[in-house]
Amino acid sequence: MDDSELREQLKQVEADLVRLREEVAEIRREIGERWDSPTDPAEIATVLTNAEQQEALIEDLEARRAQLLQRLGSP
């Protein structure tokens, strides 16, 4: 894989990171807004699980970004 392909993959990973971080932040905001209102505990658990799964994806993407940067010779 040449540098241009690595840079394209890096660009996509970074775009995915931005998108996922925004989604997680929105989920967390929604949870915070519901904190005082009557809600279904199962629904809250599902929403929290979704946020945690997206945060795990973020960690995977951050690792992938680090690998790409290393292959490109960046610190």
PDB file of N, CA and C in Angstrom:
ATOM      1  N   MET A   1       0.858  -1.177   0.000  1.00  0.00           N
ATOM      2  CA  MET A   1       0.000   0.000   0.000  1.00  0.00           C
ATOM      3  C   MET A   1       0.902   1.238   0.000  1.00  0.00           C
ATOM      4  N   ASP A   2       0.637   2.154  -0.912  1.00  0.00           N
ATOM      5  CA  ASP A   2       1.478   3.339  -0.999  1.00  0.00           C
ATOM      6  C   ASP A   2       0.958   4.455  -0.089  1.00  0.00           C
ATOM      7  N   ASP A   3       1.754   5.530   0.011  1.00  0.00           N
ATOM      8  CA  ASP A   3       1.421   6.637   0.909  1.00  0.00           C
ATOM      9  C   ASP A   3       0.067   7.265   0.592  1.00  0.00           C
ATOM     10  N   SER A   4      -0.278   7.379  -0.662  1.00  0.00           N
ATOM     11  CA  SER A   4      -1.560   8.013  -1.001  1.00  0.00           C
ATOM     12  C   SER A   4      -2.735   7.172  -0.510  1.00  0.00           C
ATOM     13  N   GLU A   5      -2.604   5.859  -0.595  1.00  0.00           N
ATOM     14  CA  GLU A   5      -3.672   4.989  -0.078  1.00  0.00           C
ATOM     15  C   GLU A   5      -3.747   5.063   1.437  1.00  0.00           C
ATOM     16  N   LEU A   6      -2.578   5.103   2.086  1.00  0.00           N
ATOM     17  CA  LEU A   6      -2.553   5.237   3.546  1.00  0.00           C
ATOM     18  C   LEU A   6      -3.169   6.562   3.981  1.00  0.00           C
ATOM     19  N   ARG A   7      -2.844   7.627   3.265  1.00  0.00           N
ATOM     20  CA  ARG A   7      -3.404   8.945   3.603  1.00  0.00           C
ATOM     21  C   ARG A   7      -4.919   8.972   3.403  1.00  0.00           C
ATOM     22  N   GLU A   8      -5.397   8.303   2.373  1.00  0.00           N
ATOM     23  CA  GLU A   8      -6.842   8.231   2.142  1.00  0.00           C
ATOM     24  C   GLU A   8      -7.523   7.456   3.265  1.00  0.00           C
ATOM     25  N   GLN A   9      -6.920   6.353   3.678  1.00  0.00           N
ATOM     26  CA  GLN A   9      -7.482   5.593   4.795  1.00  0.00           C
ATOM     27  C   GLN A   9      -7.468   6.417   6.070  1.00  0.00           C
ATOM     28  N   LEU A  10      -6.370   7.136   6.289  1.00  0.00           N
ATOM     29  CA  LEU A  10      -6.256   7.991   7.463  1.00  0.00           C
ATOM     30  C   LEU A  10      -7.338   9.063   7.447  1.00  0.00           C
ATOM     31  N   LYS A  11      -7.573   9.651   6.312  1.00  0.00           N
ATOM     32  CA  LYS A  11      -8.613  10.676   6.165  1.00  0.00           C
ATOM     33  C   LYS A  11      -9.987  10.090   6.525  1.00  0.00           C
ATOM     34  N   GLN A  12     -10.277   8.882   6.056  1.00  0.00           N
ATOM     35  CA  GLN A  12     -11.557   8.246   6.347  1.00  0.00           C
ATOM     36  C   GLN A  12     -11.684   7.910   7.833  1.00  0.00           C
ATOM     37  N   VAL A  13     -10.607   7.409   8.427  1.00  0.00           N
ATOM     38  CA  VAL A  13     -10.622   7.083   9.856  1.00  0.00           C
ATOM     39  C   VAL A  13     -10.885   8.347  10.668  1.00  0.00           C
ATOM     40  N   GLU A  14     -10.221   9.429  10.319  1.00  0.00           N
ATOM     41  CA  GLU A  14     -10.416  10.679  11.059  1.00  0.00           C
ATOM     42  C   GLU A  14     -11.839  11.211  10.898  1.00  0.00           C
ATOM     43  N   ALA A  15     -12.414  11.071   9.716  1.00  0.00           N
ATOM     44  CA  ALA A  15     -13.799  11.493   9.502  1.00  0.00           C
ATOM     45  C   ALA A  15     -14.748  10.628  10.335  1.00  0.00           C
ATOM     46  N   ASP A  16     -14.482   9.329  10.375  1.00  0.00           N
ATOM     47  CA  ASP A  16     -15.308   8.431  11.187  1.00  0.00           C
ATOM     48  C   ASP A  16     -15.204   8.778  12.667  1.00  0.00           C
ATOM     49  N   LEU A  17     -13.997   9.126  13.111  1.00  0.00           N
ATOM     50  CA  LEU A  17     -13.815   9.513  14.510  1.00  0.00           C
ATOM     51  C   LEU A  17     -14.635  10.756  14.857  1.00  0.00           C
ATOM     52  N   VAL A  18     -14.600  11.737  13.995  1.00  0.00           N
ATOM     53  CA  VAL A  18     -15.375  12.966  14.236  1.00  0.00           C
ATOM     54  C   VAL A  18     -16.862  12.630  14.340  1.00  0.00           C
ATOM     55  N   ARG A  19     -17.339  11.836  13.388  1.00  0.00           N
ATOM     56  CA  ARG A  19     -18.765  11.474  13.362  1.00  0.00           C
ATOM     57  C   ARG A  19     -19.163  10.700  14.616  1.00  0.00           C
ATOM     58  N   LEU A  20     -18.379   9.702  14.983  1.00  0.00           N
ATOM     59  CA  LEU A  20     -18.719   8.887  16.152  1.00  0.00           C
ATOM     60  C   LEU A  20     -18.652   9.703  17.443  1.00  0.00           C
ATOM     61  N   ARG A  21     -17.656  10.569  17.556  1.00  0.00           N
ATOM     62  CA  ARG A  21     -17.564  11.404  18.768  1.00  0.00           C
ATOM     63  C   ARG A  21     -18.778  12.321  18.889  1.00  0.00           C
ATOM     64  N   GLU A  22     -19.232  12.865  17.769  1.00  0.00           N
ATOM     65  CA  GLU A  22     -20.431  13.713  17.794  1.00  0.00           C
ATOM     66  C   GLU A  22     -21.658  12.902  18.196  1.00  0.00           C
ATOM     67  N   GLU A  23     -21.771  11.683  17.658  1.00  0.00           N
ATOM     68  CA  GLU A  23     -22.910  10.828  17.997  1.00  0.00           C
ATOM     69  C   GLU A  23     -22.907  10.466  19.476  1.00  0.00           C
ATOM     70  N   VAL A  24     -21.744  10.117  20.017  1.00  0.00           N
ATOM     71  CA  VAL A  24     -21.651   9.766  21.429  1.00  0.00           C
ATOM     72  C   VAL A  24     -21.985  10.974  22.300  1.00  0.00           C
ATOM     73  N   ALA A  25     -21.489  12.138  21.920  1.00  0.00           N
ATOM     74  CA  ALA A  25     -21.787  13.351  22.691  1.00  0.00           C
ATOM     75  C   ALA A  25     -23.288  13.622  22.695  1.00  0.00           C
ATOM     76  N   GLU A  26     -23.942  13.426  21.544  1.00  0.00           N
ATOM     77  CA  GLU A  26     -25.391  13.633  21.466  1.00  0.00           C
ATOM     78  C   GLU A  26     -26.132  12.622  22.340  1.00  0.00           C
ATOM     79  N   ILE A  27     -25.706  11.388  22.307  1.00  0.00           N
ATOM     80  CA  ILE A  27     -26.338  10.364  23.156  1.00  0.00           C
ATOM     81  C   ILE A  27     -26.189  10.740  24.625  1.00  0.00           C
ATOM     82  N   ARG A  28     -24.997  11.136  25.003  1.00  0.00           N
ATOM     83  CA  ARG A  28     -24.755  11.518  26.411  1.00  0.00           C
ATOM     84  C   ARG A  28     -25.593  12.739  26.792  1.00  0.00           C
ATOM     85  N   ARG A  29     -25.743  13.695  25.871  1.00  0.00           N
ATOM     86  CA  ARG A  29     -26.597  14.869  26.159  1.00  0.00           C
ATOM     87  C   ARG A  29     -28.037  14.427  26.380  1.00  0.00           C
ATOM     88  N   GLU A  30     -28.518  13.534  25.528  1.00  0.00           N
ATOM     89  CA  GLU A  30     -29.891  13.049  25.662  1.00  0.00           C
ATOM     90  C   GLU A  30     -30.092  12.341  26.992  1.00  0.00           C
ATOM     91  N   ILE A  31     -29.112  11.568  27.402  1.00  0.00           N
ATOM     92  CA  ILE A  31     -29.214  10.878  28.695  1.00  0.00           C
ATOM     93  C   ILE A  31     -29.288  11.912  29.809  1.00  0.00           C
ATOM     94  N   GLY A  32     -28.445  12.926  29.729  1.00  0.00           N
ATOM     95  CA  GLY A  32     -28.448  13.974  30.747  1.00  0.00           C
ATOM     96  C   GLY A  32     -29.758  14.734  30.797  1.00  0.00           C
ATOM     97  N   GLU A  33     -30.366  14.966  29.656  1.00  0.00           N
ATOM     98  CA  GLU A  33     -31.638  15.687  29.611  1.00  0.00           C
ATOM     99  C   GLU A  33     -32.761  14.843  30.189  1.00  0.00           C
ATOM    100  N   ARG A  34     -32.641  13.547  30.106  1.00  0.00           N
ATOM    101  CA  ARG A  34     -33.675  12.654  30.634  1.00  0.00           C
ATOM    102  C   ARG A  34     -33.502  12.374  32.117  1.00  0.00           C
ATOM    103  N   TRP A  35     -32.381  12.765  32.662  1.00  0.00           N
ATOM    104  CA  TRP A  35     -32.052  12.399  34.031  1.00  0.00           C
ATOM    105  C   TRP A  35     -33.163  12.735  35.022  1.00  0.00           C
ATOM    106  N   ASP A  36     -33.790  13.883  34.878  1.00  0.00           N
ATOM    107  CA  ASP A  36     -34.818  14.314  35.819  1.00  0.00           C
ATOM    108  C   ASP A  36     -36.220  13.844  35.442  1.00  0.00           C
ATOM    109  N   SER A  37     -36.390  13.392  34.235  1.00  0.00           N
ATOM    110  CA  SER A  37     -37.733  13.011  33.801  1.00  0.00           C
ATOM    111  C   SER A  37     -37.965  11.523  34.010  1.00  0.00           C
ATOM    112  N   PRO A  38     -39.234  11.140  34.152  1.00  0.00           N
ATOM    113  CA  PRO A  38     -39.533   9.717  34.307  1.00  0.00           C
ATOM    114  C   PRO A  38     -39.205   8.970  33.008  1.00  0.00           C
ATOM    115  N   THR A  39     -38.400   7.925  33.123  1.00  0.00           N
ATOM    116  CA  THR A  39     -38.017   7.143  31.949  1.00  0.00           C
ATOM    117  C   THR A  39     -38.009   5.665  32.291  1.00  0.00           C
ATOM    118  N   ASP A  40     -37.972   4.896  31.270  1.00  0.00           N
ATOM    119  CA  ASP A  40     -37.915   3.448  31.396  1.00  0.00           C
ATOM    120  C   ASP A  40     -36.454   3.045  31.613  1.00  0.00           C
ATOM    121  N   PRO A  41     -36.137   2.359  32.711  1.00  0.00           N
ATOM    122  CA  PRO A  41     -34.747   1.961  32.971  1.00  0.00           C
ATOM    123  C   PRO A  41     -34.158   1.089  31.852  1.00  0.00           C
ATOM    124  N   ALA A  42     -34.975   0.264  31.231  1.00  0.00           N
ATOM    125  CA  ALA A  42     -34.484  -0.572  30.133  1.00  0.00           C
ATOM    126  C   ALA A  42     -34.058   0.283  28.947  1.00  0.00           C
ATOM    127  N   GLU A  43     -34.824   1.335  28.683  1.00  0.00           N
ATOM    128  CA  GLU A  43     -34.480   2.238  27.575  1.00  0.00           C
ATOM    129  C   GLU A  43     -33.168   2.945  27.855  1.00  0.00           C
ATOM    130  N   ILE A  44     -32.994   3.412  29.075  1.00  0.00           N
ATOM    131  CA  ILE A  44     -31.749   4.094  29.445  1.00  0.00           C
ATOM    132  C   ILE A  44     -30.576   3.125  29.327  1.00  0.00           C
ATOM    133  N   ALA A  45     -30.772   1.889  29.762  1.00  0.00           N
ATOM    134  CA  ALA A  45     -29.708   0.890  29.663  1.00  0.00           C
ATOM    135  C   ALA A  45     -29.328   0.649  28.207  1.00  0.00           C
ATOM    136  N   THR A  46     -30.308   0.605  27.334  1.00  0.00           N
ATOM    137  CA  THR A  46     -30.052   0.399  25.911  1.00  0.00           C
ATOM    138  C   THR A  46     -29.266   1.569  25.335  1.00  0.00           C
ATOM    139  N   VAL A  47     -29.667   2.771  25.683  1.00  0.00           N
ATOM    140  CA  VAL A  47     -28.983   3.964  25.179  1.00  0.00           C
ATOM    141  C   VAL A  47     -27.544   3.997  25.693  1.00  0.00           C
ATOM    142  N   LEU A  48     -27.350   3.662  26.968  1.00  0.00           N
ATOM    143  CA  LEU A  48     -25.996   3.631  27.525  1.00  0.00           C
ATOM    144  C   LEU A  48     -25.138   2.573  26.827  1.00  0.00           C
ATOM    145  N   THR A  49     -25.722   1.422  26.567  1.00  0.00           N
ATOM    146  CA  THR A  49     -25.003   0.364  25.863  1.00  0.00           C
ATOM    147  C   THR A  49     -24.588   0.829  24.475  1.00  0.00           C
ATOM    148  N   ASN A  50     -25.485   1.519  23.788  1.00  0.00           N
ATOM    149  CA  ASN A  50     -25.158   2.051  22.458  1.00  0.00           C
ATOM    150  C   ASN A  50     -23.980   3.027  22.533  1.00  0.00           C
ATOM    151  N   ALA A  51     -24.003   3.894  23.529  1.00  0.00           N
ATOM    152  CA  ALA A  51     -22.915   4.863  23.691  1.00  0.00           C
ATOM    153  C   ALA A  51     -21.599   4.140  23.968  1.00  0.00           C
ATOM    154  N   GLU A  52     -21.654   3.124  24.816  1.00  0.00           N
ATOM    155  CA  GLU A  52     -20.439   2.383  25.142  1.00  0.00           C
ATOM    156  C   GLU A  52     -19.901   1.633  23.923  1.00  0.00           C
ATOM    157  N   GLN A  53     -20.791   1.095  23.106  1.00  0.00           N
ATOM    158  CA  GLN A  53     -20.348   0.409  21.891  1.00  0.00           C
ATOM    159  C   GLN A  53     -19.685   1.382  20.922  1.00  0.00           C
ATOM    160  N   GLN A  54     -20.250   2.570  20.808  1.00  0.00           N
ATOM    161  CA  GLN A  54     -19.644   3.562  19.919  1.00  0.00           C
ATOM    162  C   GLN A  54     -18.299   4.025  20.465  1.00  0.00           C
ATOM    163  N   GLU A  55     -18.186   4.135  21.789  1.00  0.00           N
ATOM    164  CA  GLU A  55     -16.911   4.515  22.384  1.00  0.00           C
ATOM    165  C   GLU A  55     -15.857   3.437  22.136  1.00  0.00           C
ATOM    166  N   ALA A  56     -16.266   2.167  22.135  1.00  0.00           N
ATOM    167  CA  ALA A  56     -15.342   1.075  21.809  1.00  0.00           C
ATOM    168  C   ALA A  56     -14.887   1.181  20.352  1.00  0.00           C
ATOM    169  N   LEU A  57     -15.808   1.544  19.461  1.00  0.00           N
ATOM    170  CA  LEU A  57     -15.442   1.758  18.057  1.00  0.00           C
ATOM    171  C   LEU A  57     -14.447   2.901  17.925  1.00  0.00           C
ATOM    172  N   ILE A  58     -14.651   3.943  18.707  1.00  0.00           N
ATOM    173  CA  ILE A  58     -13.728   5.084  18.694  1.00  0.00           C
ATOM    174  C   ILE A  58     -12.325   4.618  19.088  1.00  0.00           C
ATOM    175  N   GLU A  59     -12.237   3.784  20.120  1.00  0.00           N
ATOM    176  CA  GLU A  59     -10.932   3.270  20.541  1.00  0.00           C
ATOM    177  C   GLU A  59     -10.278   2.468  19.422  1.00  0.00           C
ATOM    178  N   ASP A  60     -11.058   1.637  18.735  1.00  0.00           N
ATOM    179  CA  ASP A  60     -10.527   0.855  17.614  1.00  0.00           C
ATOM    180  C   ASP A  60     -10.027   1.774  16.501  1.00  0.00           C
ATOM    181  N   LEU A  61     -10.807   2.805  16.202  1.00  0.00           N
ATOM    182  CA  LEU A  61     -10.409   3.740  15.144  1.00  0.00           C
ATOM    183  C   LEU A  61      -9.163   4.532  15.538  1.00  0.00           C
ATOM    184  N   GLU A  62      -9.049   4.883  16.818  1.00  0.00           N
ATOM    185  CA  GLU A  62      -7.855   5.596  17.274  1.00  0.00           C
ATOM    186  C   GLU A  62      -6.618   4.708  17.123  1.00  0.00           C
ATOM    187  N   ALA A  63      -6.762   3.418  17.412  1.00  0.00           N
ATOM    188  CA  ALA A  63      -5.652   2.484  17.234  1.00  0.00           C
ATOM    189  C   ALA A  63      -5.294   2.370  15.752  1.00  0.00           C
ATOM    190  N   ARG A  64      -6.307   2.301  14.901  1.00  0.00           N
ATOM    191  CA  ARG A  64      -6.072   2.228  13.456  1.00  0.00           C
ATOM    192  C   ARG A  64      -5.373   3.488  12.959  1.00  0.00           C
ATOM    193  N   ARG A  65      -5.805   4.640  13.470  1.00  0.00           N
ATOM    194  CA  ARG A  65      -5.171   5.902  13.081  1.00  0.00           C
ATOM    195  C   ARG A  65      -3.699   5.897  13.484  1.00  0.00           C
ATOM    196  N   ALA A  66      -3.405   5.416  14.692  1.00  0.00           N
ATOM    197  CA  ALA A  66      -2.024   5.356  15.157  1.00  0.00           C
ATOM    198  C   ALA A  66      -1.180   4.443  14.255  1.00  0.00           C
ATOM    199  N   GLN A  67      -1.764   3.324  13.831  1.00  0.00           N
ATOM    200  CA  GLN A  67      -1.049   2.409  12.928  1.00  0.00           C
ATOM    201  C   GLN A  67      -0.762   3.087  11.583  1.00  0.00           C
ATOM    202  N   LEU A  68      -1.759   3.774  11.059  1.00  0.00           N
ATOM    203  CA  LEU A  68      -1.574   4.451   9.775  1.00  0.00           C
ATOM    204  C   LEU A  68      -0.511   5.534   9.883  1.00  0.00           C
ATOM    205  N   LEU A  69      -0.561   6.302  10.956  1.00  0.00           N
ATOM    206  CA  LEU A  69       0.440   7.352  11.148  1.00  0.00           C
ATOM    207  C   LEU A  69       1.836   6.754  11.266  1.00  0.00           C
ATOM    208  N   GLN A  70       1.930   5.642  11.948  1.00  0.00           N
ATOM    209  CA  GLN A  70       3.227   4.988  12.095  1.00  0.00           C
ATOM    210  C   GLN A  70       3.748   4.517  10.732  1.00  0.00           C
ATOM    211  N   ARG A  71       2.860   3.954   9.934  1.00  0.00           N
ATOM    212  CA  ARG A  71       3.266   3.485   8.598  1.00  0.00           C
ATOM    213  C   ARG A  71       3.669   4.659   7.696  1.00  0.00           C
ATOM    214  N   LEU A  72       3.059   5.807   7.954  1.00  0.00           N
ATOM    215  CA  LEU A  72       3.405   6.994   7.167  1.00  0.00           C
ATOM    216  C   LEU A  72       4.673   7.683   7.708  1.00  0.00           C
ATOM    217  N   GLY A  73       5.151   7.220   8.856  1.00  0.00           N
ATOM    218  CA  GLY A  73       6.361   7.786   9.428  1.00  0.00           C
ATOM    219  C   GLY A  73       6.135   9.002  10.291  1.00  0.00           C
ATOM    220  N   SER A  74       4.875   9.253  10.685  1.00  0.00           N
ATOM    221  CA  SER A  74       4.559  10.375  11.552  1.00  0.00           C
ATOM    222  C   SER A  74       4.625   9.918  13.000  1.00  0.00           C
ATOM    223  N   PRO A  75       4.927  10.814  13.924  1.00  0.00           N
ATOM    224  CA  PRO A  75       4.991  10.457  15.353  1.00  0.00           C
ATOM    225  C   PRO A  75       3.628  10.128  15.909  1.00  0.00           C
TER     226      PRO A  75
END
